């Protein structure tokens, strides 16, 4: 809880809690467009207007997904991918948070570390693949390391920028209340950077799912990325699209889980979103 929240007027807090939240109907409307496009493409293929060989209709993709799920392959591939993303996300987010806090808070560390890290950030993800294979082998360690690199940079940038962008007036309010250094960090500084940090974590998680594709394509015997390569080699676009859909669903679920876990830490915010 921040100092400013502690001083907020009771009527303002009551008014914020009374704001109605969007219903489930509005959230479900987000599925209307992809469902409508899927139905339209199914109709085009069924009517013979479009060729469904390279872009199979939803019925064929759905049947492929069902067969993969019934055989247990989909669960095995999804589980392998999720484990790699979780391990890489944990390592990358931890390293990004620590180094971002250090460079954001200490000018000397920023001068020493930030130029090198910014240069490393410009390196394409695929360029790390041969080096990680040489260092760590072709097994799980190299894949997790590649995902951690993808997660690291958005978290690092988000934390460092949030610390450097803390409003000086907020710090002065804490000093007026004679807060100790620990209390200043807990009640003023941490709430000030928390929204940016959580946004950086979400960006890092999204990049983690992007990097896991490169990690699994470079040599894996299971995972959704392996399923993509397998579909390409066998000439089965339905398998490729099924893997892409699985990536989209897993990424959305993982992002929703992260949002749900972090939402209580942002309950003190009184943002414009609450008024819409």
C-alpha atoms as a PDB file:
ATOM      1  CA  UNK A   1       0.000   0.000   0.000  1.00  0.00           C
ATOM      2  CA  UNK A   2       1.432   3.387  -0.958  1.00  0.00           C
ATOM      3  CA  UNK A   3       1.470   6.578   1.109  1.00  0.00           C
ATOM      4  CA  UNK A   4      -0.869   8.276  -1.312  1.00  0.00           C
ATOM      5  CA  UNK A   5      -3.386   5.474  -0.986  1.00  0.00           C
ATOM      6  CA  UNK A   6      -3.284   5.693   2.791  1.00  0.00           C
ATOM      7  CA  UNK A   7      -4.239   9.361   2.537  1.00  0.00           C
ATOM      8  CA  UNK A   8      -7.011   8.825  -0.024  1.00  0.00           C
ATOM      9  CA  UNK A   9     -10.454  10.094   0.932  1.00  0.00           C
ATOM     10  CA  UNK A  10     -12.951   7.414   2.021  1.00  0.00           C
ATOM     11  CA  UNK A  11     -15.569   8.627  -0.444  1.00  0.00           C
ATOM     12  CA  UNK A  12     -13.139   8.213  -3.332  1.00  0.00           C
ATOM     13  CA  UNK A  13     -12.390   4.615  -2.334  1.00  0.00           C
ATOM     14  CA  UNK A  14     -16.109   3.885  -1.962  1.00  0.00           C
ATOM     15  CA  UNK A  15     -16.821   5.431  -5.352  1.00  0.00           C
ATOM     16  CA  UNK A  16     -14.140   3.339  -7.014  1.00  0.00           C
ATOM     17  CA  UNK A  17     -15.495   0.111  -5.553  1.00  0.00           C
ATOM     18  CA  UNK A  18     -18.953   1.002  -6.814  1.00  0.00           C
ATOM     19  CA  UNK A  19     -17.831   1.227 -10.443  1.00  0.00           C
ATOM     20  CA  UNK A  20     -19.435  -1.599 -12.429  1.00  0.00           C
ATOM     21  CA  UNK A  21     -17.116  -4.091 -14.067  1.00  0.00           C
ATOM     22  CA  UNK A  22     -17.540  -5.303 -17.650  1.00  0.00           C
ATOM     23  CA  UNK A  23     -19.654  -8.432 -17.858  1.00  0.00           C
ATOM     24  CA  UNK A  24     -18.762 -11.804 -19.269  1.00  0.00           C
ATOM     25  CA  UNK A  25     -20.719 -10.993 -22.412  1.00  0.00           C
ATOM     26  CA  UNK A  26     -18.244  -8.268 -23.373  1.00  0.00           C
ATOM     27  CA  UNK A  27     -15.313 -10.610 -22.747  1.00  0.00           C
ATOM     28  CA  UNK A  28     -16.938 -13.336 -24.844  1.00  0.00           C
ATOM     29  CA  UNK A  29     -17.366 -10.866 -27.704  1.00  0.00           C
ATOM     30  CA  UNK A  30     -13.614 -11.070 -28.262  1.00  0.00           C
ATOM     31  CA  UNK A  31     -14.108 -14.602 -29.607  1.00  0.00           C
ATOM     32  CA  UNK A  32     -16.691 -13.501 -32.159  1.00  0.00           C
ATOM     33  CA  UNK A  33     -14.236 -12.414 -34.871  1.00  0.00           C
ATOM     34  CA  UNK A  34     -12.061 -15.577 -35.006  1.00  0.00           C
ATOM     35  CA  UNK A  35     -15.138 -17.803 -34.831  1.00  0.00           C
ATOM     36  CA  UNK A  36     -16.809 -15.868 -37.643  1.00  0.00           C
ATOM     37  CA  UNK A  37     -13.667 -16.087 -39.798  1.00  0.00           C
ATOM     38  CA  UNK A  38     -13.401 -19.834 -39.149  1.00  0.00           C
ATOM     39  CA  UNK A  39     -17.040 -20.392 -40.167  1.00  0.00           C
ATOM     40  CA  UNK A  40     -16.566 -18.266 -43.274  1.00  0.00           C
ATOM     41  CA  UNK A  41     -13.476 -20.222 -44.371  1.00  0.00           C
ATOM     42  CA  UNK A  42     -15.245 -23.531 -43.701  1.00  0.00           C
ATOM     43  CA  UNK A  43     -18.069 -22.386 -45.982  1.00  0.00           C
ATOM     44  CA  UNK A  44     -15.663 -21.256 -48.727  1.00  0.00           C
ATOM     45  CA  UNK A  45     -13.924 -24.645 -48.778  1.00  0.00           C
ATOM     46  CA  UNK A  46     -17.189 -26.613 -48.589  1.00  0.00           C
ATOM     47  CA  UNK A  47     -18.633 -24.598 -51.484  1.00  0.00           C
ATOM     48  CA  UNK A  48     -15.545 -25.245 -53.625  1.00  0.00           C
ATOM     49  CA  UNK A  49     -14.710 -21.545 -53.832  1.00  0.00           C
ATOM     50  CA  UNK A  50     -11.376 -21.977 -52.009  1.00  0.00           C
ATOM     51  CA  UNK A  51      -8.860 -24.807 -52.012  1.00  0.00           C
ATOM     52  CA  UNK A  52      -8.405 -26.271 -48.554  1.00  0.00           C
ATOM     53  CA  UNK A  53      -5.229 -28.209 -49.293  1.00  0.00           C
ATOM     54  CA  UNK A  54      -2.696 -25.640 -48.067  1.00  0.00           C
ATOM     55  CA  UNK A  55      -5.097 -23.916 -45.668  1.00  0.00           C
ATOM     56  CA  UNK A  56      -7.349 -26.646 -44.265  1.00  0.00           C
ATOM     57  CA  UNK A  57     -10.827 -25.737 -43.024  1.00  0.00           C
ATOM     58  CA  UNK A  58     -11.497 -25.649 -39.268  1.00  0.00           C
ATOM     59  CA  UNK A  59     -13.202 -29.053 -39.368  1.00  0.00           C
ATOM     60  CA  UNK A  60      -9.991 -30.727 -40.588  1.00  0.00           C
ATOM     61  CA  UNK A  61      -7.834 -28.858 -38.061  1.00  0.00           C
ATOM     62  CA  UNK A  62     -10.288 -29.702 -35.298  1.00  0.00           C
ATOM     63  CA  UNK A  63     -10.183 -33.365 -36.230  1.00  0.00           C
ATOM     64  CA  UNK A  64      -6.367 -33.271 -36.147  1.00  0.00           C
ATOM     65  CA  UNK A  65      -6.417 -31.652 -32.722  1.00  0.00           C
ATOM     66  CA  UNK A  66      -8.865 -34.279 -31.507  1.00  0.00           C
ATOM     67  CA  UNK A  67      -6.715 -37.131 -32.810  1.00  0.00           C
ATOM     68  CA  UNK A  68      -3.586 -35.648 -31.208  1.00  0.00           C
ATOM     69  CA  UNK A  69      -5.417 -35.179 -27.903  1.00  0.00           C
ATOM     70  CA  UNK A  70      -6.940 -38.664 -27.970  1.00  0.00           C
ATOM     71  CA  UNK A  71      -3.566 -40.290 -28.600  1.00  0.00           C
ATOM     72  CA  UNK A  72      -1.919 -38.291 -25.796  1.00  0.00           C
ATOM     73  CA  UNK A  73       0.560 -36.636 -28.175  1.00  0.00           C
ATOM     74  CA  UNK A  74      -0.887 -33.151 -27.727  1.00  0.00           C
ATOM     75  CA  UNK A  75      -0.629 -33.328 -23.939  1.00  0.00           C
ATOM     76  CA  UNK A  76       2.970 -34.582 -24.118  1.00  0.00           C
ATOM     77  CA  UNK A  77       4.023 -31.874 -26.575  1.00  0.00           C
ATOM     78  CA  UNK A  78       2.212 -29.122 -24.673  1.00  0.00           C
ATOM     79  CA  UNK A  79       3.665 -30.291 -21.347  1.00  0.00           C
ATOM     80  CA  UNK A  80       7.229 -30.233 -22.717  1.00  0.00           C
ATOM     81  CA  UNK A  81       6.742 -26.749 -24.145  1.00  0.00           C
ATOM     82  CA  UNK A  82       5.188 -25.402 -20.949  1.00  0.00           C
ATOM     83  CA  UNK A  83       8.017 -26.795 -18.828  1.00  0.00           C
ATOM     84  CA  UNK A  84      10.644 -25.114 -21.012  1.00  0.00           C
ATOM     85  CA  UNK A  85       8.793 -21.798 -21.004  1.00  0.00           C
ATOM     86  CA  UNK A  86       8.283 -21.921 -17.226  1.00  0.00           C
ATOM     87  CA  UNK A  87      11.951 -22.696 -16.539  1.00  0.00           C
ATOM     88  CA  UNK A  88      13.228 -20.086 -18.991  1.00  0.00           C
ATOM     89  CA  UNK A  89      10.735 -17.498 -17.775  1.00  0.00           C
ATOM     90  CA  UNK A  90      11.733 -18.010 -14.147  1.00  0.00           C
ATOM     91  CA  UNK A  91      15.454 -17.638 -14.862  1.00  0.00           C
ATOM     92  CA  UNK A  92      15.079 -14.738 -17.286  1.00  0.00           C
ATOM     93  CA  UNK A  93      12.601 -12.822 -15.117  1.00  0.00           C
ATOM     94  CA  UNK A  94      14.779 -13.213 -12.019  1.00  0.00           C
ATOM     95  CA  UNK A  95      17.952 -12.073 -13.781  1.00  0.00           C
ATOM     96  CA  UNK A  96      16.132  -9.218 -15.541  1.00  0.00           C
ATOM     97  CA  UNK A  97      14.572  -7.986 -12.300  1.00  0.00           C
ATOM     98  CA  UNK A  98      17.844  -8.044 -10.362  1.00  0.00           C
ATOM     99  CA  UNK A  99      19.972  -6.385 -13.044  1.00  0.00           C
ATOM    100  CA  UNK A 100      17.207  -3.916 -13.904  1.00  0.00           C
ATOM    101  CA  UNK A 101      16.949  -2.874 -10.261  1.00  0.00           C
ATOM    102  CA  UNK A 102      20.723  -2.510  -9.954  1.00  0.00           C
ATOM    103  CA  UNK A 103      21.197  -0.458 -13.117  1.00  0.00           C
ATOM    104  CA  UNK A 104      18.084   1.589 -12.446  1.00  0.00           C
ATOM    105  CA  UNK A 105      19.063   2.499  -8.895  1.00  0.00           C
ATOM    106  CA  UNK A 106      22.843   2.869  -9.215  1.00  0.00           C
ATOM    107  CA  UNK A 107      24.237   5.284 -11.835  1.00  0.00           C
ATOM    108  CA  UNK A 108      27.674   3.653 -11.753  1.00  0.00           C
ATOM    109  CA  UNK A 109      26.161   0.223 -12.494  1.00  0.00           C
ATOM    110  CA  UNK A 110      24.103   1.755 -15.288  1.00  0.00           C
ATOM    111  CA  UNK A 111      27.227   3.255 -16.866  1.00  0.00           C
ATOM    112  CA  UNK A 112      29.115  -0.041 -16.608  1.00  0.00           C
ATOM    113  CA  UNK A 113      26.440  -2.591 -17.543  1.00  0.00           C
ATOM    114  CA  UNK A 114      23.741  -0.938 -19.634  1.00  0.00           C
ATOM    115  CA  UNK A 115      25.766  -0.306 -22.852  1.00  0.00           C
ATOM    116  CA  UNK A 116      26.798  -3.962 -23.039  1.00  0.00           C
ATOM    117  CA  UNK A 117      23.300  -5.237 -22.287  1.00  0.00           C
ATOM    118  CA  UNK A 118      21.766  -2.922 -24.893  1.00  0.00           C
ATOM    119  CA  UNK A 119      24.223  -4.244 -27.478  1.00  0.00           C
ATOM    120  CA  UNK A 120      23.381  -7.849 -26.572  1.00  0.00           C
ATOM    121  CA  UNK A 121      19.676  -7.034 -26.872  1.00  0.00           C
ATOM    122  CA  UNK A 122      20.140  -6.281 -30.569  1.00  0.00           C
ATOM    123  CA  UNK A 123      21.421  -9.801 -31.322  1.00  0.00           C
ATOM    124  CA  UNK A 124      18.768 -11.932 -33.122  1.00  0.00           C
ATOM    125  CA  UNK A 125      17.517 -14.891 -31.120  1.00  0.00           C
ATOM    126  CA  UNK A 126      18.561 -17.421 -33.738  1.00  0.00           C
ATOM    127  CA  UNK A 127      22.175 -16.191 -33.468  1.00  0.00           C
ATOM    128  CA  UNK A 128      22.407 -17.597 -29.931  1.00  0.00           C
ATOM    129  CA  UNK A 129      21.446 -21.105 -31.046  1.00  0.00           C
ATOM    130  CA  UNK A 130      24.832 -22.428 -32.246  1.00  0.00           C
ATOM    131  CA  UNK A 131      26.630 -20.917 -29.265  1.00  0.00           C
ATOM    132  CA  UNK A 132      24.238 -22.423 -26.717  1.00  0.00           C
ATOM    133  CA  UNK A 133      24.421 -25.805 -28.443  1.00  0.00           C
ATOM    134  CA  UNK A 134      28.225 -25.634 -28.311  1.00  0.00           C
ATOM    135  CA  UNK A 135      28.221 -24.621 -24.634  1.00  0.00           C
ATOM    136  CA  UNK A 136      25.284 -26.588 -23.252  1.00  0.00           C
ATOM    137  CA  UNK A 137      24.614 -29.378 -25.749  1.00  0.00           C
ATOM    138  CA  UNK A 138      21.435 -30.124 -27.664  1.00  0.00           C
ATOM    139  CA  UNK A 139      19.331 -31.115 -24.669  1.00  0.00           C
ATOM    140  CA  UNK A 140      17.141 -29.086 -22.316  1.00  0.00           C
ATOM    141  CA  UNK A 141      19.774 -26.709 -20.910  1.00  0.00           C
ATOM    142  CA  UNK A 142      20.373 -24.951 -24.241  1.00  0.00           C
ATOM    143  CA  UNK A 143      16.649 -24.572 -24.900  1.00  0.00           C
ATOM    144  CA  UNK A 144      15.936 -23.136 -21.449  1.00  0.00           C
ATOM    145  CA  UNK A 145      18.898 -20.753 -21.791  1.00  0.00           C
ATOM    146  CA  UNK A 146      17.588 -19.449 -25.128  1.00  0.00           C
ATOM    147  CA  UNK A 147      14.132 -18.815 -23.653  1.00  0.00           C
ATOM    148  CA  UNK A 148      15.687 -17.097 -20.622  1.00  0.00           C
ATOM    149  CA  UNK A 149      17.544 -14.715 -22.947  1.00  0.00           C
ATOM    150  CA  UNK A 150      14.277 -13.793 -24.639  1.00  0.00           C
ATOM    151  CA  UNK A 151      12.548 -13.139 -21.310  1.00  0.00           C
ATOM    152  CA  UNK A 152      15.469 -11.260 -19.764  1.00  0.00           C
ATOM    153  CA  UNK A 153      15.585  -8.133 -21.903  1.00  0.00           C
ATOM    154  CA  UNK A 154      11.972  -6.845 -21.652  1.00  0.00           C
ATOM    155  CA  UNK A 155      11.995  -7.459 -17.892  1.00  0.00           C
ATOM    156  CA  UNK A 156      15.359  -5.736 -17.507  1.00  0.00           C
ATOM    157  CA  UNK A 157      14.264  -2.712 -19.535  1.00  0.00           C
ATOM    158  CA  UNK A 158      10.911  -2.464 -17.756  1.00  0.00           C
ATOM    159  CA  UNK A 159      12.368  -2.558 -14.242  1.00  0.00           C
ATOM    160  CA  UNK A 160      15.251  -0.189 -15.013  1.00  0.00           C
ATOM    161  CA  UNK A 161      12.968   2.347 -16.727  1.00  0.00           C
ATOM    162  CA  UNK A 162      10.392   2.140 -13.923  1.00  0.00           C
ATOM    163  CA  UNK A 163      12.979   2.888 -11.238  1.00  0.00           C
ATOM    164  CA  UNK A 164      14.479   5.778 -13.188  1.00  0.00           C
ATOM    165  CA  UNK A 165      10.996   7.163 -13.845  1.00  0.00           C
ATOM    166  CA  UNK A 166       9.804   7.295 -10.214  1.00  0.00           C
ATOM    167  CA  UNK A 167       8.216  10.679  -9.558  1.00  0.00           C
ATOM    168  CA  UNK A 168      10.386  12.776  -7.268  1.00  0.00           C
ATOM    169  CA  UNK A 169       7.312  14.221  -5.551  1.00  0.00           C
ATOM    170  CA  UNK A 170       6.283  10.738  -4.371  1.00  0.00           C
ATOM    171  CA  UNK A 171       9.653  10.285  -2.696  1.00  0.00           C
ATOM    172  CA  UNK A 172       9.307  13.696  -1.051  1.00  0.00           C
ATOM    173  CA  UNK A 173       5.918  12.675   0.352  1.00  0.00           C
ATOM    174  CA  UNK A 174       7.574   9.673   1.972  1.00  0.00           C
ATOM    175  CA  UNK A 175      10.215  11.895   3.487  1.00  0.00           C
ATOM    176  CA  UNK A 176       7.551  14.240   4.842  1.00  0.00           C
ATOM    177  CA  UNK A 177       6.049  11.252   6.656  1.00  0.00           C
ATOM    178  CA  UNK A 178       9.558  10.428   7.976  1.00  0.00           C
ATOM    179  CA  UNK A 179       9.564   6.917   6.571  1.00  0.00           C
ATOM    180  CA  UNK A 180      12.627   4.760   7.113  1.00  0.00           C
ATOM    181  CA  UNK A 181      14.563   3.451   4.101  1.00  0.00           C
ATOM    182  CA  UNK A 182      12.838   0.070   4.375  1.00  0.00           C
ATOM    183  CA  UNK A 183       9.407   1.650   4.748  1.00  0.00           C
ATOM    184  CA  UNK A 184      10.152   4.006   1.837  1.00  0.00           C
ATOM    185  CA  UNK A 185      11.014   1.062  -0.401  1.00  0.00           C
ATOM    186  CA  UNK A 186       7.995  -1.006   0.694  1.00  0.00           C
ATOM    187  CA  UNK A 187       5.302   1.680   0.773  1.00  0.00           C
ATOM    188  CA  UNK A 188       6.452   4.175  -1.862  1.00  0.00           C
ATOM    189  CA  UNK A 189       9.078   2.836  -4.286  1.00  0.00           C
ATOM    190  CA  UNK A 190       7.764  -0.708  -4.741  1.00  0.00           C
ATOM    191  CA  UNK A 191       4.165   0.358  -5.505  1.00  0.00           C
ATOM    192  CA  UNK A 192       5.533   2.959  -7.923  1.00  0.00           C
ATOM    193  CA  UNK A 193       7.397   0.397 -10.059  1.00  0.00           C
ATOM    194  CA  UNK A 194       5.048  -2.562  -9.607  1.00  0.00           C
ATOM    195  CA  UNK A 195       2.699  -1.815 -12.564  1.00  0.00           C
ATOM    196  CA  UNK A 196       5.619  -1.425 -14.970  1.00  0.00           C
ATOM    197  CA  UNK A 197       7.286  -4.546 -13.613  1.00  0.00           C
ATOM    198  CA  UNK A 198       4.168  -6.656 -14.133  1.00  0.00           C
ATOM    199  CA  UNK A 199       3.766  -5.295 -17.672  1.00  0.00           C
ATOM    200  CA  UNK A 200       7.409  -6.212 -18.315  1.00  0.00           C
ATOM    201  CA  UNK A 201       6.778  -9.719 -16.990  1.00  0.00           C
ATOM    202  CA  UNK A 202       3.859 -10.139 -19.393  1.00  0.00           C
ATOM    203  CA  UNK A 203       6.010  -8.950 -22.300  1.00  0.00           C
ATOM    204  CA  UNK A 204       8.752 -11.339 -21.245  1.00  0.00           C
ATOM    205  CA  UNK A 205       6.312 -14.227 -21.040  1.00  0.00           C
ATOM    206  CA  UNK A 206       5.090 -13.517 -24.566  1.00  0.00           C
ATOM    207  CA  UNK A 207       8.647 -13.504 -25.859  1.00  0.00           C
ATOM    208  CA  UNK A 208       9.282 -16.717 -23.956  1.00  0.00           C
ATOM    209  CA  UNK A 209       6.650 -18.457 -26.090  1.00  0.00           C
ATOM    210  CA  UNK A 210       8.219 -16.951 -29.214  1.00  0.00           C
ATOM    211  CA  UNK A 211      11.713 -18.117 -28.260  1.00  0.00           C
ATOM    212  CA  UNK A 212      10.552 -21.618 -27.358  1.00  0.00           C
ATOM    213  CA  UNK A 213       9.668 -22.146 -31.009  1.00  0.00           C
ATOM    214  CA  UNK A 214      13.260 -21.415 -32.023  1.00  0.00           C
ATOM    215  CA  UNK A 215      14.492 -23.553 -29.130  1.00  0.00           C
ATOM    216  CA  UNK A 216      12.409 -26.570 -30.158  1.00  0.00           C
ATOM    217  CA  UNK A 217      13.044 -26.204 -33.868  1.00  0.00           C
ATOM    218  CA  UNK A 218      16.799 -26.306 -33.287  1.00  0.00           C
ATOM    219  CA  UNK A 219      16.572 -29.888 -32.092  1.00  0.00           C
ATOM    220  CA  UNK A 220      13.867 -31.513 -29.970  1.00  0.00           C
ATOM    221  CA  UNK A 221      12.035 -34.807 -29.879  1.00  0.00           C
ATOM    222  CA  UNK A 222       8.888 -33.350 -28.296  1.00  0.00           C
ATOM    223  CA  UNK A 223       7.178 -30.018 -27.905  1.00  0.00           C
ATOM    224  CA  UNK A 224       4.827 -27.907 -29.995  1.00  0.00           C
ATOM    225  CA  UNK A 225       7.792 -26.543 -31.961  1.00  0.00           C
ATOM    226  CA  UNK A 226       8.766 -30.105 -32.829  1.00  0.00           C
ATOM    227  CA  UNK A 227       5.159 -30.678 -33.911  1.00  0.00           C
ATOM    228  CA  UNK A 228       5.499 -27.713 -36.298  1.00  0.00           C
ATOM    229  CA  UNK A 229       8.625 -29.188 -37.890  1.00  0.00           C
ATOM    230  CA  UNK A 230       7.036 -32.629 -38.058  1.00  0.00           C
ATOM    231  CA  UNK A 231       4.026 -31.216 -39.885  1.00  0.00           C
ATOM    232  CA  UNK A 232       6.287 -29.395 -42.335  1.00  0.00           C
ATOM    233  CA  UNK A 233       8.363 -32.481 -43.100  1.00  0.00           C
ATOM    234  CA  UNK A 234       5.281 -34.631 -43.592  1.00  0.00           C
ATOM    235  CA  UNK A 235       3.526 -32.000 -45.699  1.00  0.00           C
ATOM    236  CA  UNK A 236       0.586 -31.730 -43.293  1.00  0.00           C
ATOM    237  CA  UNK A 237      -0.626 -28.133 -42.927  1.00  0.00           C
ATOM    238  CA  UNK A 238      -3.391 -29.293 -40.589  1.00  0.00           C
ATOM    239  CA  UNK A 239      -0.738 -30.405 -38.074  1.00  0.00           C
ATOM    240  CA  UNK A 240       1.107 -27.092 -38.426  1.00  0.00           C
ATOM    241  CA  UNK A 241      -2.057 -25.073 -37.851  1.00  0.00           C
ATOM    242  CA  UNK A 242      -3.020 -27.315 -34.918  1.00  0.00           C
ATOM    243  CA  UNK A 243       0.378 -26.583 -33.323  1.00  0.00           C
ATOM    244  CA  UNK A 244      -0.031 -22.847 -33.952  1.00  0.00           C
ATOM    245  CA  UNK A 245      -3.487 -22.878 -32.341  1.00  0.00           C
ATOM    246  CA  UNK A 246      -2.072 -24.794 -29.383  1.00  0.00           C
ATOM    247  CA  UNK A 247       0.643 -22.154 -28.991  1.00  0.00           C
ATOM    248  CA  UNK A 248      -1.984 -19.401 -29.042  1.00  0.00           C
ATOM    249  CA  UNK A 249      -4.176 -21.124 -26.445  1.00  0.00           C
ATOM    250  CA  UNK A 250      -1.278 -21.942 -24.106  1.00  0.00           C
ATOM    251  CA  UNK A 251       0.132 -18.419 -24.409  1.00  0.00           C
ATOM    252  CA  UNK A 252      -3.221 -16.839 -23.636  1.00  0.00           C
ATOM    253  CA  UNK A 253      -3.816 -19.137 -20.665  1.00  0.00           C
ATOM    254  CA  UNK A 254      -0.336 -18.464 -19.288  1.00  0.00           C
ATOM    255  CA  UNK A 255      -0.798 -14.705 -19.659  1.00  0.00           C
ATOM    256  CA  UNK A 256      -4.221 -14.910 -17.994  1.00  0.00           C
ATOM    257  CA  UNK A 257      -2.726 -16.870 -15.109  1.00  0.00           C
ATOM    258  CA  UNK A 258       0.018 -14.261 -14.655  1.00  0.00           C
ATOM    259  CA  UNK A 259      -2.555 -11.454 -14.701  1.00  0.00           C
ATOM    260  CA  UNK A 260      -4.724 -13.274 -12.147  1.00  0.00           C
ATOM    261  CA  UNK A 261      -1.765 -13.897  -9.834  1.00  0.00           C
ATOM    262  CA  UNK A 262      -0.556 -10.286  -9.972  1.00  0.00           C
ATOM    263  CA  UNK A 263      -3.962  -8.556  -9.902  1.00  0.00           C
ATOM    264  CA  UNK A 264      -4.183  -8.434  -6.066  1.00  0.00           C
ATOM    265  CA  UNK A 265      -0.888  -6.526  -5.961  1.00  0.00           C
ATOM    266  CA  UNK A 266      -2.419  -3.761  -8.098  1.00  0.00           C
ATOM    267  CA  UNK A 267      -5.740  -3.521  -6.272  1.00  0.00           C
ATOM    268  CA  UNK A 268      -4.712  -0.156  -4.803  1.00  0.00           C
ATOM    269  CA  UNK A 269      -4.620   1.516  -8.243  1.00  0.00           C
ATOM    270  CA  UNK A 270      -7.304   4.053  -9.152  1.00  0.00           C
ATOM    271  CA  UNK A 271      -6.872   4.179 -12.920  1.00  0.00           C
ATOM    272  CA  UNK A 272      -8.942   5.509 -15.786  1.00  0.00           C
ATOM    273  CA  UNK A 273      -9.758   1.919 -16.748  1.00  0.00           C
ATOM    274  CA  UNK A 274     -11.881   1.625 -13.623  1.00  0.00           C
ATOM    275  CA  UNK A 275     -14.053   4.515 -14.843  1.00  0.00           C
ATOM    276  CA  UNK A 276     -14.769   3.090 -18.307  1.00  0.00           C
END
